[in-house]
Structures are given as C-alpha cells and as structure tokens.
C-alpha cells in the first residue's frame, strides 16, 4: 500500500501531523513542497497539505490538488485549496493560536464520528472568505464562517484548525477518517 504524503509548507505543526499518522500506525512520509508533481503522482494514496507561515512559500502545493488522489488541507493547506479553486482568502479578525468551538454542519466522510460541536485549536490570521464553487461548508464558528470546506466529488477537504495538536478534541479522528477515504479511493 502506498503512503500518505504530508507536504511540508514550513509550518510549526507539520511534524506533528506526521507523528499523528505514525502513532496511528498509518504509513506516511514528509515531502518538501518543492517536489515535482510528476514525482508525487502515483507514489502516494493521499496528500495532506500542511500548514505554513505564508502562501507565497507553498511551492508546488497547488499543483498537487490536480493529481486525482484525496487531499486534506490544514490551515494554510485550506487556503491553498480555496485560492486554487476560485475562492478567496483574507486576513481574519483574530490572529494567533487559541481554542475555538466549531459547529459541525455536515459530517460527511472527513468529520464522521464527531459530535455537533467540537473544541479545536486554530489560528485565524487568515481565513477563507469566499468558498470556491463546488465546495460545501462542513463547519463554522463564531470566529470564522468557513472552518471546514469539502468538495465531495474531488475528495478534497480543508480545515482551518489543527487536528494534530493535543488541544483539539479527538483530532486523531480526522486523520483516521482521511486514511479510510484514501484506502477506499485506492481500491
């Protein structure tokens, strides 16, 4: 079985994403965002676009969205997804990391098993202001209207929050769900 690639966009939590997969016994590898899309294509069963400080440092991340495998974007990864598919990202009203209560509107595959409200750890320095065509909002909060967006047809999922940090309620479930999505897609 092919691994899941965690794309390193220079975020402080990218190594925690990789650690989360390893703790769950899921084969995953960290890949620099400078890796060519041709090298990524066919060598993984799913891609996690990790967070990072600046979309201008996201390398080839937007090109990985068109490889036909499931993609999960975390924080900056969400912003890359929104920007690439015609959405809009703008500065949020609340910067810095902190706790946020997120209302799950639709669980779908990625948020399966979660209660209707979850406490997460997130930065809102930047947020998705306009959801791209073909994407649905799956979660929102009083801080941000677009905490999670999904394109079910493309198997592309984006979260504003960081499931991999201990402050997020049951964050491992996102990565377990994503692994299941990737396994089903691979078959």
N, C-alpha and C. Protein backbone atom coordinates (compact mmCIF):
# COMPACT_ATOMS: atom_id res chain seq x y z
N UNK A 1 0.84 -1.17 0.00
CA UNK A 1 0.00 0.00 0.00
C UNK A 1 0.89 1.25 0.00
N UNK A 2 0.51 2.22 -0.80
CA UNK A 2 1.27 3.46 -0.89
C UNK A 2 1.08 4.31 0.37
N UNK A 3 2.07 5.16 0.69
CA UNK A 3 1.94 6.01 1.87
C UNK A 3 1.07 7.24 1.59
N UNK A 4 0.72 7.93 2.65
CA UNK A 4 0.14 9.27 2.56
C UNK A 4 1.30 10.24 2.65
N UNK A 5 1.30 11.24 1.79
CA UNK A 5 2.34 12.26 1.83
C UNK A 5 1.86 13.47 2.63
N UNK A 6 2.70 13.92 3.54
CA UNK A 6 2.48 15.17 4.27
C UNK A 6 3.39 16.20 3.62
N UNK A 7 2.79 17.19 2.98
CA UNK A 7 3.57 18.21 2.29
C UNK A 7 4.01 19.26 3.29
N UNK A 8 5.31 19.46 3.36
CA UNK A 8 5.88 20.40 4.32
C UNK A 8 5.84 21.82 3.75
N UNK A 9 4.95 22.62 4.28
CA UNK A 9 4.85 24.03 3.90
C UNK A 9 5.47 24.95 4.96
N UNK A 10 6.40 24.40 5.72
CA UNK A 10 7.20 25.13 6.70
C UNK A 10 6.42 25.53 7.95
N UNK A 11 5.30 24.86 8.20
CA UNK A 11 4.51 25.16 9.40
C UNK A 11 5.08 24.47 10.62
N UNK A 12 4.81 25.06 11.76
CA UNK A 12 5.37 24.53 13.00
C UNK A 12 4.75 23.20 13.42
N UNK A 13 3.60 22.83 12.86
CA UNK A 13 2.94 21.60 13.27
C UNK A 13 3.02 20.47 12.24
N UNK A 14 3.72 20.67 11.12
CA UNK A 14 3.78 19.64 10.08
C UNK A 14 4.37 18.33 10.62
N UNK A 15 5.35 18.43 11.49
CA UNK A 15 5.94 17.21 12.06
C UNK A 15 4.97 16.51 13.01
N UNK A 16 4.06 17.28 13.62
CA UNK A 16 3.04 16.66 14.46
C UNK A 16 2.02 15.89 13.63
N UNK A 17 1.75 16.37 12.42
CA UNK A 17 0.86 15.63 11.51
C UNK A 17 1.49 14.28 11.20
N UNK A 18 2.76 14.30 10.83
CA UNK A 18 3.46 13.05 10.53
C UNK A 18 3.48 12.13 11.75
N UNK A 19 3.73 12.69 12.90
CA UNK A 19 3.75 11.91 14.14
C UNK A 19 2.38 11.29 14.43
N UNK A 20 1.32 12.06 14.18
CA UNK A 20 -0.04 11.55 14.39
C UNK A 20 -0.29 10.31 13.53
N UNK A 21 0.09 10.38 12.25
CA UNK A 21 -0.07 9.21 11.38
C UNK A 21 0.73 8.03 11.91
N UNK A 22 1.96 8.27 12.30
CA UNK A 22 2.80 7.17 12.80
C UNK A 22 2.22 6.57 14.07
N UNK A 23 1.70 7.42 14.98
CA UNK A 23 1.08 6.92 16.21
C UNK A 23 -0.16 6.09 15.91
N UNK A 24 -0.81 6.35 14.79
CA UNK A 24 -1.99 5.60 14.37
C UNK A 24 -1.62 4.39 13.50
N UNK A 25 -0.33 4.14 13.33
CA UNK A 25 0.16 3.03 12.50
C UNK A 25 -0.25 3.18 11.04
N UNK A 26 -0.25 4.41 10.57
CA UNK A 26 -0.58 4.72 9.17
C UNK A 26 0.71 5.16 8.49
N UNK A 27 1.05 4.52 7.38
CA UNK A 27 2.27 4.84 6.66
C UNK A 27 2.16 6.24 6.05
N UNK A 28 3.04 7.13 6.46
CA UNK A 28 3.06 8.50 5.95
C UNK A 28 4.50 8.97 5.85
N UNK A 29 4.74 9.89 4.92
CA UNK A 29 6.08 10.44 4.72
C UNK A 29 6.00 11.93 4.51
N UNK A 30 6.98 12.65 5.06
CA UNK A 30 7.08 14.09 4.87
C UNK A 30 7.77 14.35 3.53
N UNK A 31 7.20 15.25 2.75
CA UNK A 31 7.72 15.56 1.41
C UNK A 31 7.86 17.07 1.30
N UNK A 32 9.00 17.57 0.81
CA UNK A 32 9.14 19.01 0.62
C UNK A 32 8.15 19.53 -0.43
N UNK A 33 7.66 20.74 -0.25
CA UNK A 33 6.71 21.29 -1.22
C UNK A 33 7.37 21.68 -2.54
N UNK A 34 8.64 21.46 -2.64
CA UNK A 34 9.36 21.70 -3.91
C UNK A 34 9.39 20.45 -4.78
N UNK A 35 8.89 19.33 -4.27
CA UNK A 35 8.86 18.08 -5.03
C UNK A 35 7.97 18.25 -6.25
N UNK A 36 8.44 17.76 -7.40
CA UNK A 36 7.66 17.93 -8.63
C UNK A 36 6.36 17.13 -8.56
N UNK A 37 5.29 17.67 -9.12
CA UNK A 37 4.02 16.93 -9.15
C UNK A 37 4.16 15.57 -9.83
N UNK A 38 5.01 15.47 -10.85
CA UNK A 38 5.22 14.19 -11.53
C UNK A 38 5.79 13.14 -10.57
N UNK A 39 6.65 13.57 -9.67
CA UNK A 39 7.25 12.66 -8.69
C UNK A 39 6.22 12.23 -7.64
N UNK A 40 5.30 13.13 -7.29
CA UNK A 40 4.27 12.83 -6.30
C UNK A 40 3.18 11.93 -6.89
N UNK A 41 2.81 12.19 -8.14
CA UNK A 41 1.74 11.44 -8.81
C UNK A 41 2.05 9.95 -8.82
N UNK A 42 1.11 9.16 -8.36
CA UNK A 42 1.27 7.71 -8.40
C UNK A 42 2.14 7.12 -7.31
N UNK A 43 2.76 7.96 -6.48
CA UNK A 43 3.64 7.42 -5.44
C UNK A 43 3.04 7.55 -4.05
N UNK A 44 1.79 8.06 -3.97
CA UNK A 44 1.09 8.15 -2.69
C UNK A 44 -0.39 7.89 -2.91
N UNK A 45 -1.09 7.60 -1.82
CA UNK A 45 -2.53 7.35 -1.93
C UNK A 45 -3.35 8.51 -1.41
N UNK A 46 -2.70 9.53 -0.88
CA UNK A 46 -3.37 10.72 -0.38
C UNK A 46 -2.33 11.76 -0.01
N UNK A 47 -2.78 13.00 0.05
CA UNK A 47 -1.88 14.12 0.33
C UNK A 47 -2.47 14.99 1.41
N UNK A 48 -1.64 15.33 2.40
CA UNK A 48 -2.01 16.33 3.40
C UNK A 48 -1.17 17.57 3.12
N UNK A 49 -1.84 18.67 2.81
CA UNK A 49 -1.15 19.95 2.65
C UNK A 49 -1.04 20.57 4.04
N UNK A 50 0.17 20.52 4.59
CA UNK A 50 0.37 21.04 5.94
C UNK A 50 0.30 22.55 5.98
N UNK A 51 0.28 23.06 7.19
CA UNK A 51 0.24 24.50 7.42
C UNK A 51 1.57 25.16 7.13
N UNK A 52 1.58 26.46 7.23
CA UNK A 52 2.80 27.22 7.00
C UNK A 52 2.57 28.70 7.21
N UNK A 53 3.64 29.45 7.19
CA UNK A 53 3.54 30.86 7.52
C UNK A 53 3.02 31.76 6.40
N UNK A 54 3.14 31.31 5.14
CA UNK A 54 2.85 32.23 4.04
C UNK A 54 2.55 31.46 2.76
N UNK A 55 1.46 31.78 2.11
CA UNK A 55 1.06 31.09 0.89
C UNK A 55 2.10 31.26 -0.22
N UNK A 56 2.89 32.32 -0.15
CA UNK A 56 3.94 32.54 -1.17
C UNK A 56 5.08 31.54 -1.03
N UNK A 57 5.11 30.81 0.08
CA UNK A 57 6.15 29.79 0.29
C UNK A 57 5.59 28.38 0.14
N UNK A 58 4.45 28.25 -0.54
CA UNK A 58 3.78 26.95 -0.62
C UNK A 58 4.26 26.09 -1.80
N UNK A 59 5.28 26.55 -2.52
CA UNK A 59 5.90 25.73 -3.56
C UNK A 59 4.91 25.19 -4.57
N UNK A 60 4.95 23.87 -4.78
CA UNK A 60 4.09 23.20 -5.76
C UNK A 60 2.77 22.72 -5.17
N UNK A 61 2.44 23.13 -3.97
CA UNK A 61 1.26 22.60 -3.28
C UNK A 61 -0.02 22.69 -4.11
N UNK A 62 -0.23 23.80 -4.79
CA UNK A 62 -1.47 23.94 -5.57
C UNK A 62 -1.52 22.93 -6.72
N UNK A 63 -0.36 22.54 -7.23
CA UNK A 63 -0.32 21.58 -8.34
C UNK A 63 -0.66 20.16 -7.89
N UNK A 64 -0.47 19.87 -6.60
CA UNK A 64 -0.80 18.54 -6.08
C UNK A 64 -2.31 18.31 -6.01
N UNK A 65 -3.07 19.38 -6.08
CA UNK A 65 -4.54 19.27 -5.99
C UNK A 65 -5.16 18.63 -7.22
N UNK A 66 -4.42 18.56 -8.30
CA UNK A 66 -4.95 18.05 -9.57
C UNK A 66 -4.43 16.66 -9.92
N UNK A 67 -3.92 15.93 -8.93
CA UNK A 67 -3.32 14.62 -9.19
C UNK A 67 -4.32 13.46 -9.08
N UNK A 68 -5.55 13.75 -8.66
CA UNK A 68 -6.59 12.73 -8.64
C UNK A 68 -6.65 11.89 -7.37
N UNK A 69 -5.84 12.21 -6.37
CA UNK A 69 -5.94 11.47 -5.11
C UNK A 69 -6.56 12.38 -4.05
N UNK A 70 -7.07 11.81 -2.96
CA UNK A 70 -7.66 12.63 -1.91
C UNK A 70 -6.64 13.60 -1.31
N UNK A 71 -7.12 14.78 -0.95
CA UNK A 71 -6.27 15.82 -0.35
C UNK A 71 -6.96 16.37 0.89
N UNK A 72 -6.17 16.53 1.94
CA UNK A 72 -6.61 17.18 3.18
C UNK A 72 -5.72 18.39 3.40
N UNK A 73 -6.31 19.58 3.44
CA UNK A 73 -5.56 20.80 3.70
C UNK A 73 -5.79 21.27 5.12
N UNK A 74 -4.70 21.53 5.83
CA UNK A 74 -4.75 22.01 7.20
C UNK A 74 -4.29 23.46 7.24
N UNK A 75 -5.12 24.36 7.72
CA UNK A 75 -4.83 25.79 7.87
C UNK A 75 -4.36 26.39 6.54
N UNK A 76 -3.07 26.62 6.36
CA UNK A 76 -2.58 27.14 5.08
C UNK A 76 -2.98 26.21 3.94
N UNK A 77 -3.00 24.91 4.19
CA UNK A 77 -3.44 23.96 3.17
C UNK A 77 -4.87 24.24 2.71
N UNK A 78 -5.73 24.61 3.65
CA UNK A 78 -7.10 25.04 3.31
C UNK A 78 -7.07 26.27 2.43
N UNK A 79 -6.22 27.21 2.75
CA UNK A 79 -6.13 28.46 1.98
C UNK A 79 -5.62 28.20 0.56
N UNK A 80 -4.70 27.28 0.42
CA UNK A 80 -4.20 26.89 -0.91
C UNK A 80 -5.34 26.31 -1.73
N UNK A 81 -6.13 25.42 -1.11
CA UNK A 81 -7.27 24.81 -1.79
C UNK A 81 -8.26 25.88 -2.24
N UNK A 82 -8.64 26.75 -1.33
CA UNK A 82 -9.62 27.80 -1.65
C UNK A 82 -9.12 28.70 -2.78
N UNK A 83 -7.88 29.11 -2.70
CA UNK A 83 -7.31 30.01 -3.72
C UNK A 83 -7.24 29.33 -5.09
N UNK A 84 -6.83 28.07 -5.10
CA UNK A 84 -6.66 27.35 -6.37
C UNK A 84 -7.99 27.11 -7.08
N UNK A 85 -9.05 26.92 -6.34
CA UNK A 85 -10.34 26.59 -6.94
C UNK A 85 -11.29 27.79 -7.06
N UNK A 86 -10.77 29.00 -6.92
CA UNK A 86 -11.57 30.20 -7.18
C UNK A 86 -12.21 30.83 -5.96
N UNK A 87 -11.81 30.43 -4.78
CA UNK A 87 -12.29 31.06 -3.56
C UNK A 87 -11.45 32.27 -3.21
N UNK A 88 -11.63 32.79 -2.02
CA UNK A 88 -10.91 33.97 -1.58
C UNK A 88 -10.44 33.79 -0.14
N UNK A 89 -9.21 34.20 0.13
CA UNK A 89 -8.65 34.16 1.47
C UNK A 89 -8.34 35.60 1.87
N UNK A 90 -8.70 35.95 3.11
CA UNK A 90 -8.45 37.31 3.56
C UNK A 90 -7.99 37.28 5.02
N UNK A 91 -7.40 38.37 5.51
CA UNK A 91 -6.98 38.40 6.91
C UNK A 91 -8.18 38.24 7.85
N UNK A 92 -8.01 37.40 8.84
CA UNK A 92 -9.07 37.18 9.82
C UNK A 92 -9.09 38.27 10.87
N UNK A 93 -10.13 38.27 11.66
CA UNK A 93 -10.26 39.27 12.72
C UNK A 93 -9.48 38.89 13.97
N UNK A 94 -9.17 37.58 14.10
CA UNK A 94 -8.44 37.08 15.26
C UNK A 94 -7.17 36.36 14.79
N UNK A 95 -6.03 36.87 15.15
CA UNK A 95 -4.77 36.19 14.83
C UNK A 95 -4.35 35.34 16.01
N UNK A 96 -3.23 34.67 15.87
CA UNK A 96 -2.70 33.85 16.96
C UNK A 96 -3.47 32.56 17.12
N UNK A 97 -2.86 31.62 17.84
CA UNK A 97 -3.48 30.33 18.07
C UNK A 97 -4.30 30.36 19.35
N UNK A 98 -5.41 29.65 19.34
CA UNK A 98 -6.25 29.58 20.52
C UNK A 98 -7.41 28.63 20.33
N UNK A 99 -8.15 28.40 21.41
CA UNK A 99 -9.29 27.48 21.34
C UNK A 99 -10.49 28.12 20.64
N UNK A 100 -11.21 27.30 19.89
CA UNK A 100 -12.40 27.73 19.18
C UNK A 100 -13.42 26.59 19.25
N UNK A 101 -14.67 26.93 19.50
CA UNK A 101 -15.75 25.94 19.42
C UNK A 101 -16.31 25.96 18.01
N UNK A 102 -16.20 24.84 17.33
CA UNK A 102 -16.62 24.72 15.94
C UNK A 102 -17.92 23.94 15.87
N UNK A 103 -18.88 24.48 15.13
CA UNK A 103 -20.15 23.80 14.89
C UNK A 103 -20.03 23.00 13.60
N UNK A 104 -20.25 21.70 13.71
CA UNK A 104 -20.19 20.81 12.55
C UNK A 104 -21.57 20.84 11.89
N UNK A 105 -21.62 21.35 10.66
CA UNK A 105 -22.87 21.48 9.92
C UNK A 105 -23.19 20.18 9.20
N UNK A 106 -22.15 19.59 8.61
CA UNK A 106 -22.30 18.33 7.88
C UNK A 106 -21.04 17.51 8.16
N UNK A 107 -21.22 16.26 8.51
CA UNK A 107 -20.07 15.45 8.89
C UNK A 107 -19.40 14.81 7.69
N UNK A 108 -20.17 14.29 6.77
CA UNK A 108 -19.57 13.65 5.61
C UNK A 108 -18.54 12.63 6.03
N UNK A 109 -17.60 12.35 5.14
CA UNK A 109 -16.57 11.35 5.42
C UNK A 109 -15.51 11.88 6.38
N UNK A 110 -15.12 13.12 6.23
CA UNK A 110 -13.97 13.64 6.97
C UNK A 110 -14.27 13.93 8.43
N UNK A 111 -15.49 14.32 8.76
CA UNK A 111 -15.85 14.64 10.14
C UNK A 111 -16.76 13.58 10.77
N UNK A 112 -16.80 12.43 10.14
CA UNK A 112 -17.61 11.31 10.65
C UNK A 112 -17.16 10.96 12.07
N UNK A 113 -18.16 10.75 12.94
CA UNK A 113 -17.86 10.34 14.31
C UNK A 113 -17.73 11.47 15.30
N UNK A 114 -17.77 12.72 14.83
CA UNK A 114 -17.66 13.86 15.73
C UNK A 114 -19.02 14.29 16.25
N UNK A 115 -19.06 14.90 17.43
CA UNK A 115 -20.32 15.50 17.90
C UNK A 115 -20.63 16.77 17.09
N UNK A 116 -21.76 17.39 17.36
CA UNK A 116 -22.18 18.57 16.61
C UNK A 116 -21.31 19.80 16.88
N UNK A 117 -20.66 19.84 18.03
CA UNK A 117 -19.74 20.94 18.37
C UNK A 117 -18.46 20.33 18.92
N UNK A 118 -17.33 20.83 18.42
CA UNK A 118 -16.04 20.35 18.92
C UNK A 118 -15.14 21.53 19.27
N UNK A 119 -14.32 21.33 20.27
CA UNK A 119 -13.35 22.34 20.66
C UNK A 119 -12.06 22.04 19.91
N UNK A 120 -11.56 23.03 19.17
CA UNK A 120 -10.36 22.85 18.36
C UNK A 120 -9.35 23.94 18.69
N UNK A 121 -8.15 23.76 18.16
CA UNK A 121 -7.08 24.73 18.30
C UNK A 121 -6.80 25.27 16.91
N UNK A 122 -6.88 26.60 16.76
CA UNK A 122 -6.76 27.17 15.42
C UNK A 122 -6.12 28.54 15.45
N UNK A 123 -5.57 28.91 14.31
CA UNK A 123 -5.14 30.28 14.06
C UNK A 123 -6.10 30.85 13.03
N UNK A 124 -6.49 32.09 13.22
CA UNK A 124 -7.38 32.76 12.27
C UNK A 124 -6.73 34.03 11.73
N UNK A 125 -5.41 34.00 11.58
CA UNK A 125 -4.72 35.15 11.00
C UNK A 125 -5.21 35.37 9.57
N UNK A 126 -5.46 34.27 8.86
CA UNK A 126 -6.07 34.30 7.52
C UNK A 126 -7.22 33.30 7.53
N UNK A 127 -8.25 33.58 6.73
CA UNK A 127 -9.43 32.73 6.66
C UNK A 127 -9.95 32.68 5.24
N UNK A 128 -10.74 31.65 4.96
CA UNK A 128 -11.44 31.58 3.68
C UNK A 128 -12.66 32.49 3.79
N UNK A 129 -12.69 33.54 2.95
CA UNK A 129 -13.80 34.47 2.95
C UNK A 129 -14.86 34.10 1.94
N UNK A 130 -14.45 33.56 0.81
CA UNK A 130 -15.36 33.12 -0.24
C UNK A 130 -15.04 31.67 -0.54
N UNK A 131 -16.03 30.81 -0.37
CA UNK A 131 -15.87 29.37 -0.63
C UNK A 131 -15.86 29.14 -2.14
N UNK A 132 -14.92 28.34 -2.64
CA UNK A 132 -14.86 28.09 -4.09
C UNK A 132 -16.11 27.38 -4.61
N UNK A 133 -16.44 27.60 -5.87
CA UNK A 133 -17.56 26.87 -6.48
C UNK A 133 -17.32 25.35 -6.38
N UNK A 134 -18.38 24.61 -6.10
CA UNK A 134 -18.28 23.16 -6.00
C UNK A 134 -17.89 22.67 -4.62
N UNK A 135 -17.60 23.57 -3.70
CA UNK A 135 -17.25 23.20 -2.32
C UNK A 135 -18.42 23.52 -1.40
N UNK A 136 -18.53 22.73 -0.33
CA UNK A 136 -19.57 22.95 0.67
C UNK A 136 -18.91 23.27 2.00
N UNK A 137 -19.58 24.08 2.81
CA UNK A 137 -19.11 24.36 4.17
C UNK A 137 -19.58 23.22 5.07
N UNK A 138 -18.64 22.60 5.76
CA UNK A 138 -18.97 21.50 6.67
C UNK A 138 -18.90 21.91 8.13
N UNK A 139 -18.21 23.04 8.43
CA UNK A 139 -18.11 23.51 9.82
C UNK A 139 -17.90 25.02 9.83
N UNK A 140 -18.40 25.63 10.92
CA UNK A 140 -18.25 27.08 11.09
C UNK A 140 -18.14 27.38 12.58
N UNK A 141 -17.76 28.61 12.89
CA UNK A 141 -17.70 29.04 14.29
C UNK A 141 -18.10 30.51 14.35
N UNK A 142 -18.17 31.04 15.54
CA UNK A 142 -18.46 32.47 15.68
C UNK A 142 -17.27 33.31 15.24
N UNK A 143 -16.12 32.70 15.15
CA UNK A 143 -14.91 33.39 14.71
C UNK A 143 -14.79 33.38 13.18
N UNK A 144 -15.18 32.27 12.56
CA UNK A 144 -14.95 32.07 11.13
C UNK A 144 -16.13 31.29 10.52
N UNK A 145 -16.69 31.83 9.46
CA UNK A 145 -17.84 31.20 8.81
C UNK A 145 -17.48 29.94 8.03
N UNK A 146 -16.20 29.76 7.71
CA UNK A 146 -15.78 28.65 6.85
C UNK A 146 -14.64 27.86 7.51
N UNK A 147 -14.94 27.20 8.61
CA UNK A 147 -13.92 26.44 9.35
C UNK A 147 -13.52 25.16 8.62
N UNK A 148 -14.45 24.58 7.86
CA UNK A 148 -14.14 23.38 7.08
C UNK A 148 -14.92 23.44 5.78
N UNK A 149 -14.22 23.19 4.67
CA UNK A 149 -14.87 23.12 3.36
C UNK A 149 -14.50 21.80 2.70
N UNK A 150 -15.41 21.31 1.85
CA UNK A 150 -15.22 20.00 1.25
C UNK A 150 -15.75 20.01 -0.18
N UNK A 151 -15.00 19.35 -1.07
CA UNK A 151 -15.51 19.01 -2.39
C UNK A 151 -15.66 17.49 -2.40
N UNK A 152 -16.87 16.98 -2.12
CA UNK A 152 -17.05 15.53 -2.07
C UNK A 152 -16.68 14.84 -3.39
N UNK A 153 -16.97 15.49 -4.51
CA UNK A 153 -16.67 14.88 -5.81
C UNK A 153 -15.17 14.73 -6.04
N UNK A 154 -14.39 15.73 -5.63
CA UNK A 154 -12.94 15.70 -5.84
C UNK A 154 -12.19 15.02 -4.69
N UNK A 155 -12.89 14.72 -3.60
CA UNK A 155 -12.26 14.16 -2.40
C UNK A 155 -11.18 15.12 -1.87
N UNK A 156 -11.55 16.41 -1.82
CA UNK A 156 -10.66 17.44 -1.29
C UNK A 156 -11.33 18.06 -0.07
N UNK A 157 -10.58 18.09 1.04
CA UNK A 157 -11.09 18.52 2.34
C UNK A 157 -10.15 19.58 2.91
N UNK A 158 -10.70 20.64 3.46
CA UNK A 158 -9.88 21.68 4.06
C UNK A 158 -10.39 22.07 5.43
N UNK A 159 -9.48 22.16 6.40
CA UNK A 159 -9.82 22.54 7.77
C UNK A 159 -9.01 23.76 8.19
N UNK A 160 -9.64 24.69 8.84
CA UNK A 160 -8.95 25.86 9.38
C UNK A 160 -8.13 25.48 10.62
N UNK A 161 -8.59 24.48 11.34
CA UNK A 161 -7.96 24.13 12.61
C UNK A 161 -6.90 23.04 12.43
N UNK A 162 -6.19 22.78 13.54
CA UNK A 162 -5.10 21.80 13.58
C UNK A 162 -5.53 20.57 14.38
N UNK A 163 -5.96 19.50 13.71
CA UNK A 163 -6.37 18.29 14.44
C UNK A 163 -5.20 17.59 15.14
N UNK A 164 -3.99 17.85 14.68
CA UNK A 164 -2.82 17.11 15.19
C UNK A 164 -2.32 17.58 16.54
N UNK A 165 -2.81 18.71 17.04
CA UNK A 165 -2.34 19.20 18.34
C UNK A 165 -3.21 18.67 19.46
N UNK A 166 -2.64 18.50 20.64
CA UNK A 166 -3.36 17.88 21.75
C UNK A 166 -4.53 18.73 22.22
N UNK A 167 -4.53 20.03 21.92
CA UNK A 167 -5.61 20.92 22.35
C UNK A 167 -6.91 20.68 21.59
N UNK A 168 -6.84 20.03 20.42
CA UNK A 168 -8.03 19.76 19.61
C UNK A 168 -8.69 18.48 20.09
N UNK A 169 -10.00 18.55 20.34
CA UNK A 169 -10.75 17.40 20.79
C UNK A 169 -10.70 16.27 19.77
N UNK A 170 -10.18 15.13 20.16
CA UNK A 170 -10.20 13.92 19.34
C UNK A 170 -9.71 14.16 17.90
N UNK A 171 -8.62 14.92 17.77
CA UNK A 171 -8.09 15.26 16.45
C UNK A 171 -7.67 14.07 15.63
N UNK A 172 -7.28 13.00 16.29
CA UNK A 172 -6.84 11.80 15.55
C UNK A 172 -7.92 11.29 14.61
N UNK A 173 -9.18 11.53 14.97
CA UNK A 173 -10.30 11.03 14.17
C UNK A 173 -10.25 11.58 12.74
N UNK A 174 -9.85 12.84 12.56
CA UNK A 174 -9.73 13.41 11.21
C UNK A 174 -8.75 12.60 10.39
N UNK A 175 -7.61 12.26 10.98
CA UNK A 175 -6.58 11.52 10.25
C UNK A 175 -6.99 10.06 10.01
N UNK A 176 -7.72 9.46 10.95
CA UNK A 176 -8.26 8.12 10.73
C UNK A 176 -9.29 8.15 9.59
N UNK A 177 -10.14 9.14 9.60
CA UNK A 177 -11.14 9.28 8.53
C UNK A 177 -10.45 9.50 7.18
N UNK A 178 -9.42 10.34 7.16
CA UNK A 178 -8.72 10.60 5.91
C UNK A 178 -8.03 9.33 5.41
N UNK A 179 -7.43 8.57 6.30
CA UNK A 179 -6.82 7.29 5.90
C UNK A 179 -7.86 6.37 5.28
N UNK A 180 -9.04 6.28 5.88
CA UNK A 180 -10.10 5.43 5.34
C UNK A 180 -10.53 5.92 3.95
N UNK A 181 -10.66 7.23 3.78
CA UNK A 181 -11.02 7.81 2.48
C UNK A 181 -9.97 7.42 1.43
N UNK A 182 -8.70 7.52 1.80
CA UNK A 182 -7.61 7.19 0.88
C UNK A 182 -7.62 5.71 0.52
N UNK A 183 -7.87 4.85 1.52
CA UNK A 183 -7.92 3.40 1.26
C UNK A 183 -9.05 3.06 0.30
N UNK A 184 -10.22 3.66 0.53
CA UNK A 184 -11.37 3.40 -0.35
C UNK A 184 -11.12 3.93 -1.76
N UNK A 185 -10.46 5.05 -1.85
CA UNK A 185 -10.16 5.65 -3.17
C UNK A 185 -9.16 4.80 -3.93
N UNK A 186 -8.23 4.20 -3.21
CA UNK A 186 -7.16 3.40 -3.83
C UNK A 186 -7.70 2.09 -4.43
N UNK A 187 -8.80 1.58 -3.88
CA UNK A 187 -9.32 0.28 -4.32
C UNK A 187 -9.96 0.34 -5.69
